[in-house]
Amino acid sequence: MPRSSVAFTREPIDIAALAEAVSTVLTPEELAATPIEVRPLDDGAAAQVVMLDRVVLTVLRPRLVPAPAELARVYGAVDVASGARWAGDCFTTWEPEGVIGVRLIEAAAAARGGAAVHLG
């Protein structure tokens, strides 16, 4: 079972945001030494970050943040970033490389004017 997070952002998280996050989170030395791929899946239904042939992050296509009642029903009591219009479900593994995925989604969310909420 994957670790689940939601990114609530002003701008949607896309392939470009994930690529920027990779450049932000990893050092130049790590970037030079590590094969990394940021790829779309199923005609853009999701995006993945793959490092060393392991998926470290999967982000589903962003959608508009639901109304408050629906937001509470689906996610419970979560803090949504002020001005957030977009929500993107994100999944990482519980294995050590999942920590990199968490750092990537946090960086991508911050760059898009929001924050990630980790659900478990």
N, C-alpha and C. Protein backbone atom coordinates (compact mmCIF):
# COMPACT_ATOMS: atom_id res chain seq x y z
N MET A 1 0.85 -1.18 0.00
CA MET A 1 0.00 0.00 0.00
C MET A 1 0.90 1.24 0.00
N PRO A 2 0.61 2.20 -0.87
CA PRO A 2 1.47 3.38 -0.94
C PRO A 2 1.15 4.41 0.14
N ARG A 3 2.09 5.30 0.35
CA ARG A 3 1.90 6.46 1.22
C ARG A 3 1.10 7.47 0.40
N SER A 4 0.11 8.09 1.00
CA SER A 4 -0.81 8.96 0.28
C SER A 4 -0.69 10.41 0.76
N SER A 5 -0.67 11.32 -0.20
CA SER A 5 -0.63 12.76 0.10
C SER A 5 -1.53 13.47 -0.89
N VAL A 6 -1.89 14.70 -0.57
CA VAL A 6 -2.63 15.55 -1.50
C VAL A 6 -1.92 16.89 -1.55
N ALA A 7 -1.69 17.39 -2.76
CA ALA A 7 -1.09 18.71 -2.93
C ALA A 7 -2.22 19.69 -3.25
N PHE A 8 -2.40 20.68 -2.40
CA PHE A 8 -3.37 21.74 -2.62
C PHE A 8 -2.59 22.97 -3.06
N THR A 9 -2.83 23.43 -4.30
CA THR A 9 -1.98 24.47 -4.90
C THR A 9 -2.79 25.51 -5.66
N ARG A 10 -2.17 26.67 -5.89
CA ARG A 10 -2.80 27.72 -6.70
C ARG A 10 -2.75 27.38 -8.18
N GLU A 11 -1.64 26.77 -8.60
CA GLU A 11 -1.46 26.34 -9.99
C GLU A 11 -1.33 24.82 -9.99
N PRO A 12 -1.82 24.15 -11.03
CA PRO A 12 -1.75 22.69 -11.04
C PRO A 12 -0.32 22.17 -11.12
N ILE A 13 -0.08 21.05 -10.49
CA ILE A 13 1.22 20.39 -10.58
C ILE A 13 1.23 19.57 -11.86
N ASP A 14 2.22 19.86 -12.71
CA ASP A 14 2.35 19.19 -13.98
C ASP A 14 3.76 18.63 -14.13
N ILE A 15 4.07 18.13 -15.32
CA ILE A 15 5.40 17.56 -15.57
C ILE A 15 6.49 18.60 -15.30
N ALA A 16 6.27 19.83 -15.73
CA ALA A 16 7.27 20.89 -15.53
C ALA A 16 7.51 21.13 -14.04
N ALA A 17 6.45 21.14 -13.24
CA ALA A 17 6.59 21.34 -11.79
C ALA A 17 7.38 20.21 -11.16
N LEU A 18 7.15 18.99 -11.62
CA LEU A 18 7.89 17.85 -11.07
C LEU A 18 9.36 17.91 -11.47
N ALA A 19 9.63 18.30 -12.72
CA ALA A 19 11.03 18.43 -13.17
C ALA A 19 11.75 19.51 -12.37
N GLU A 20 11.06 20.62 -12.11
CA GLU A 20 11.65 21.69 -11.29
C GLU A 20 11.91 21.19 -9.87
N ALA A 21 10.99 20.40 -9.34
CA ALA A 21 11.17 19.87 -7.99
C ALA A 21 12.39 18.96 -7.91
N VAL A 22 12.60 18.15 -8.95
CA VAL A 22 13.78 17.28 -8.98
C VAL A 22 15.04 18.12 -8.90
N SER A 23 15.08 19.22 -9.67
CA SER A 23 16.25 20.09 -9.67
C SER A 23 16.43 20.82 -8.34
N THR A 24 15.34 21.04 -7.63
CA THR A 24 15.39 21.72 -6.34
C THR A 24 15.83 20.78 -5.22
N VAL A 25 15.31 19.58 -5.23
CA VAL A 25 15.54 18.63 -4.13
C VAL A 25 16.91 17.95 -4.22
N LEU A 26 17.33 17.61 -5.42
CA LEU A 26 18.59 16.89 -5.58
C LEU A 26 19.74 17.86 -5.83
N THR A 27 20.90 17.51 -5.34
CA THR A 27 22.08 18.33 -5.57
C THR A 27 22.56 18.13 -7.02
N PRO A 28 23.37 19.05 -7.54
CA PRO A 28 23.92 18.86 -8.89
C PRO A 28 24.69 17.54 -9.02
N GLU A 29 25.38 17.14 -7.98
CA GLU A 29 26.12 15.88 -8.01
C GLU A 29 25.16 14.69 -8.10
N GLU A 30 24.08 14.74 -7.32
CA GLU A 30 23.08 13.65 -7.38
C GLU A 30 22.41 13.61 -8.74
N LEU A 31 22.11 14.79 -9.30
CA LEU A 31 21.50 14.83 -10.63
C LEU A 31 22.41 14.22 -11.69
N ALA A 32 23.71 14.50 -11.59
CA ALA A 32 24.65 13.99 -12.57
C ALA A 32 24.85 12.48 -12.44
N ALA A 33 24.73 11.96 -11.23
CA ALA A 33 25.03 10.55 -10.99
C ALA A 33 23.80 9.63 -11.01
N THR A 34 22.61 10.20 -11.06
CA THR A 34 21.40 9.40 -10.90
C THR A 34 20.52 9.48 -12.14
N PRO A 35 20.20 8.32 -12.75
CA PRO A 35 19.25 8.36 -13.86
C PRO A 35 17.84 8.68 -13.33
N ILE A 36 17.27 9.75 -13.87
CA ILE A 36 15.95 10.22 -13.42
C ILE A 36 15.07 10.42 -14.65
N GLU A 37 13.83 10.01 -14.52
CA GLU A 37 12.85 10.22 -15.59
C GLU A 37 11.58 10.78 -14.98
N VAL A 38 11.06 11.83 -15.58
CA VAL A 38 9.75 12.37 -15.21
C VAL A 38 8.87 12.10 -16.41
N ARG A 39 7.83 11.28 -16.23
CA ARG A 39 7.07 10.82 -17.39
C ARG A 39 5.56 10.90 -17.16
N PRO A 40 4.83 11.24 -18.24
CA PRO A 40 3.37 11.19 -18.15
C PRO A 40 2.89 9.75 -18.35
N LEU A 41 1.75 9.44 -17.78
CA LEU A 41 1.12 8.13 -17.94
C LEU A 41 -0.29 8.31 -18.47
N ASP A 42 -0.75 7.38 -19.27
CA ASP A 42 -2.14 7.34 -19.74
C ASP A 42 -2.63 8.70 -20.24
N ASP A 43 -1.92 9.25 -21.22
CA ASP A 43 -2.30 10.52 -21.83
C ASP A 43 -2.48 11.64 -20.81
N GLY A 44 -1.63 11.66 -19.79
CA GLY A 44 -1.66 12.74 -18.81
C GLY A 44 -2.54 12.48 -17.60
N ALA A 45 -3.09 11.28 -17.46
CA ALA A 45 -3.92 10.99 -16.28
C ALA A 45 -3.08 10.98 -15.01
N ALA A 46 -1.79 10.76 -15.16
CA ALA A 46 -0.88 10.76 -14.01
C ALA A 46 0.52 11.09 -14.52
N ALA A 47 1.39 11.43 -13.58
CA ALA A 47 2.80 11.66 -13.88
C ALA A 47 3.62 10.92 -12.84
N GLN A 48 4.77 10.42 -13.26
CA GLN A 48 5.64 9.69 -12.34
C GLN A 48 7.05 10.24 -12.40
N VAL A 49 7.71 10.14 -11.25
CA VAL A 49 9.15 10.39 -11.18
C VAL A 49 9.80 9.05 -10.88
N VAL A 50 10.72 8.66 -11.76
CA VAL A 50 11.42 7.39 -11.64
C VAL A 50 12.90 7.68 -11.43
N MET A 51 13.48 7.08 -10.39
CA MET A 51 14.91 7.22 -10.11
C MET A 51 15.50 5.83 -9.95
N LEU A 52 16.61 5.60 -10.66
CA LEU A 52 17.28 4.29 -10.57
C LEU A 52 16.28 3.16 -10.83
N ASP A 53 15.43 3.35 -11.84
CA ASP A 53 14.43 2.36 -12.24
C ASP A 53 13.40 2.04 -11.17
N ARG A 54 13.21 2.94 -10.20
CA ARG A 54 12.18 2.78 -9.17
C ARG A 54 11.27 3.98 -9.18
N VAL A 55 9.97 3.75 -9.14
CA VAL A 55 9.01 4.86 -9.06
C VAL A 55 9.08 5.44 -7.66
N VAL A 56 9.40 6.74 -7.55
CA VAL A 56 9.47 7.37 -6.24
C VAL A 56 8.26 8.27 -5.98
N LEU A 57 7.53 8.64 -7.05
CA LEU A 57 6.36 9.50 -6.88
C LEU A 57 5.41 9.33 -8.06
N THR A 58 4.13 9.22 -7.76
CA THR A 58 3.09 9.24 -8.76
C THR A 58 2.09 10.32 -8.37
N VAL A 59 1.78 11.22 -9.31
CA VAL A 59 0.84 12.31 -9.07
C VAL A 59 -0.30 12.18 -10.07
N LEU A 60 -1.51 12.09 -9.56
CA LEU A 60 -2.67 12.01 -10.46
C LEU A 60 -3.00 13.38 -11.03
N ARG A 61 -3.73 13.39 -12.14
CA ARG A 61 -4.11 14.65 -12.79
C ARG A 61 -4.81 15.56 -11.78
N PRO A 62 -4.36 16.81 -11.68
CA PRO A 62 -4.98 17.74 -10.73
C PRO A 62 -6.44 18.02 -11.09
N ARG A 63 -7.22 18.30 -10.08
CA ARG A 63 -8.63 18.68 -10.27
C ARG A 63 -8.91 19.87 -9.36
N LEU A 64 -9.99 20.54 -9.60
CA LEU A 64 -10.34 21.69 -8.76
C LEU A 64 -10.63 21.23 -7.34
N VAL A 65 -10.23 22.05 -6.37
CA VAL A 65 -10.49 21.74 -4.96
C VAL A 65 -12.01 21.69 -4.77
N PRO A 66 -12.52 20.65 -4.14
CA PRO A 66 -13.97 20.55 -3.95
C PRO A 66 -14.48 21.57 -2.93
N ALA A 67 -15.80 21.71 -2.91
CA ALA A 67 -16.46 22.57 -1.93
C ALA A 67 -16.09 22.10 -0.52
N PRO A 68 -16.15 23.00 0.47
CA PRO A 68 -15.72 22.64 1.84
C PRO A 68 -16.36 21.37 2.40
N ALA A 69 -17.64 21.18 2.19
CA ALA A 69 -18.30 19.99 2.74
C ALA A 69 -17.75 18.72 2.09
N GLU A 70 -17.53 18.75 0.79
CA GLU A 70 -16.98 17.58 0.10
C GLU A 70 -15.51 17.37 0.48
N LEU A 71 -14.79 18.45 0.63
CA LEU A 71 -13.39 18.38 1.05
C LEU A 71 -13.29 17.68 2.40
N ALA A 72 -14.14 18.07 3.35
CA ALA A 72 -14.14 17.45 4.68
C ALA A 72 -14.57 15.99 4.61
N ARG A 73 -15.53 15.69 3.75
CA ARG A 73 -16.01 14.30 3.63
C ARG A 73 -14.92 13.40 3.08
N VAL A 74 -14.20 13.86 2.07
CA VAL A 74 -13.20 13.03 1.41
C VAL A 74 -11.89 12.97 2.19
N TYR A 75 -11.42 14.12 2.69
CA TYR A 75 -10.09 14.18 3.29
C TYR A 75 -10.09 14.35 4.80
N GLY A 76 -11.24 14.59 5.41
CA GLY A 76 -11.27 14.83 6.84
C GLY A 76 -10.81 16.24 7.14
N ALA A 77 -10.28 16.43 8.31
CA ALA A 77 -9.84 17.77 8.74
C ALA A 77 -8.42 18.02 8.22
N VAL A 78 -8.33 18.64 7.05
CA VAL A 78 -7.03 18.98 6.49
C VAL A 78 -6.92 20.50 6.35
N ASP A 79 -5.70 20.99 6.44
CA ASP A 79 -5.45 22.41 6.22
C ASP A 79 -5.10 22.61 4.76
N VAL A 80 -5.94 23.38 4.08
CA VAL A 80 -5.72 23.67 2.67
C VAL A 80 -5.03 25.02 2.56
N ALA A 81 -4.00 25.08 1.74
CA ALA A 81 -3.26 26.33 1.55
C ALA A 81 -4.20 27.44 1.10
N SER A 82 -4.01 28.62 1.65
CA SER A 82 -4.84 29.77 1.29
C SER A 82 -4.75 30.04 -0.20
N GLY A 83 -5.88 30.19 -0.84
CA GLY A 83 -5.93 30.48 -2.27
C GLY A 83 -5.76 29.26 -3.16
N ALA A 84 -5.66 28.07 -2.57
CA ALA A 84 -5.50 26.86 -3.38
C ALA A 84 -6.74 26.59 -4.21
N ARG A 85 -6.55 26.35 -5.48
CA ARG A 85 -7.65 26.03 -6.40
C ARG A 85 -7.57 24.60 -6.90
N TRP A 86 -6.37 23.99 -6.80
CA TRP A 86 -6.14 22.68 -7.37
C TRP A 86 -5.77 21.66 -6.30
N ALA A 87 -6.20 20.43 -6.51
CA ALA A 87 -5.84 19.32 -5.63
C ALA A 87 -5.30 18.19 -6.49
N GLY A 88 -4.19 17.64 -6.07
CA GLY A 88 -3.61 16.50 -6.79
C GLY A 88 -3.25 15.40 -5.83
N ASP A 89 -3.83 14.22 -6.04
CA ASP A 89 -3.51 13.06 -5.20
C ASP A 89 -2.13 12.55 -5.59
N CYS A 90 -1.32 12.23 -4.59
CA CYS A 90 0.07 11.83 -4.79
C CYS A 90 0.35 10.56 -4.00
N PHE A 91 1.18 9.71 -4.58
CA PHE A 91 1.50 8.44 -3.94
C PHE A 91 2.99 8.16 -4.00
N THR A 92 3.55 7.75 -2.87
CA THR A 92 4.94 7.32 -2.78
C THR A 92 4.97 5.97 -2.09
N THR A 93 6.10 5.31 -2.19
CA THR A 93 6.23 4.01 -1.52
C THR A 93 6.63 4.23 -0.06
N TRP A 94 6.48 3.18 0.74
CA TRP A 94 6.93 3.22 2.12
C TRP A 94 8.39 2.82 2.22
N GLU A 95 8.98 2.46 1.11
CA GLU A 95 10.40 2.09 1.10
C GLU A 95 11.24 3.35 1.18
N PRO A 96 12.54 3.23 1.43
CA PRO A 96 13.38 4.42 1.62
C PRO A 96 13.28 5.47 0.51
N GLU A 97 13.17 5.04 -0.73
CA GLU A 97 13.07 6.03 -1.81
C GLU A 97 11.77 6.83 -1.78
N GLY A 98 10.80 6.37 -1.03
CA GLY A 98 9.57 7.13 -0.87
C GLY A 98 9.79 8.47 -0.18
N VAL A 99 10.83 8.56 0.63
CA VAL A 99 11.16 9.83 1.29
C VAL A 99 11.50 10.88 0.24
N ILE A 100 12.21 10.48 -0.79
CA ILE A 100 12.52 11.41 -1.88
C ILE A 100 11.23 11.86 -2.56
N GLY A 101 10.30 10.94 -2.77
CA GLY A 101 9.02 11.29 -3.36
C GLY A 101 8.26 12.32 -2.54
N VAL A 102 8.29 12.15 -1.22
CA VAL A 102 7.63 13.11 -0.32
C VAL A 102 8.29 14.48 -0.46
N ARG A 103 9.61 14.52 -0.48
CA ARG A 103 10.33 15.79 -0.64
C ARG A 103 10.00 16.44 -2.00
N LEU A 104 9.87 15.61 -3.03
CA LEU A 104 9.55 16.14 -4.36
C LEU A 104 8.16 16.77 -4.39
N ILE A 105 7.17 16.10 -3.80
CA ILE A 105 5.82 16.66 -3.84
C ILE A 105 5.74 17.92 -2.98
N GLU A 106 6.46 17.95 -1.88
CA GLU A 106 6.48 19.17 -1.07
C GLU A 106 7.09 20.33 -1.84
N ALA A 107 8.19 20.08 -2.55
CA ALA A 107 8.84 21.13 -3.34
C ALA A 107 7.95 21.57 -4.50
N ALA A 108 7.32 20.63 -5.19
CA ALA A 108 6.45 20.98 -6.32
C ALA A 108 5.25 21.78 -5.84
N ALA A 109 4.66 21.39 -4.71
CA ALA A 109 3.51 22.11 -4.17
C ALA A 109 3.89 23.53 -3.77
N ALA A 110 5.02 23.67 -3.10
CA ALA A 110 5.47 25.00 -2.69
C ALA A 110 5.72 25.90 -3.90
N ALA A 111 6.31 25.33 -4.95
CA ALA A 111 6.58 26.12 -6.16
C ALA A 111 5.31 26.54 -6.88
N ARG A 112 4.24 25.82 -6.67
CA ARG A 112 2.96 26.13 -7.31
C ARG A 112 2.01 26.87 -6.35
N GLY A 113 2.57 27.44 -5.28
CA GLY A 113 1.78 28.25 -4.37
C GLY A 113 0.89 27.49 -3.43
N GLY A 114 1.38 26.39 -2.92
CA GLY A 114 0.56 25.59 -2.02
C GLY A 114 1.38 24.75 -1.08
N ALA A 115 0.77 23.65 -0.64
CA ALA A 115 1.42 22.75 0.29
C ALA A 115 0.85 21.36 0.11
N ALA A 116 1.65 20.38 0.55
CA ALA A 116 1.19 18.99 0.53
C ALA A 116 0.68 18.61 1.90
N VAL A 117 -0.38 17.85 1.92
CA VAL A 117 -0.94 17.30 3.16
C VAL A 117 -0.73 15.79 3.09
N HIS A 118 -0.07 15.24 4.09
CA HIS A 118 0.24 13.81 4.10
C HIS A 118 -0.83 13.08 4.90
N LEU A 119 -1.48 12.14 4.22
CA LEU A 119 -2.62 11.45 4.82
C LEU A 119 -2.25 10.12 5.45
N GLY A 120 -1.18 9.56 5.06
CA GLY A 120 -0.78 8.27 5.64
C GLY A 120 -0.30 7.31 4.61
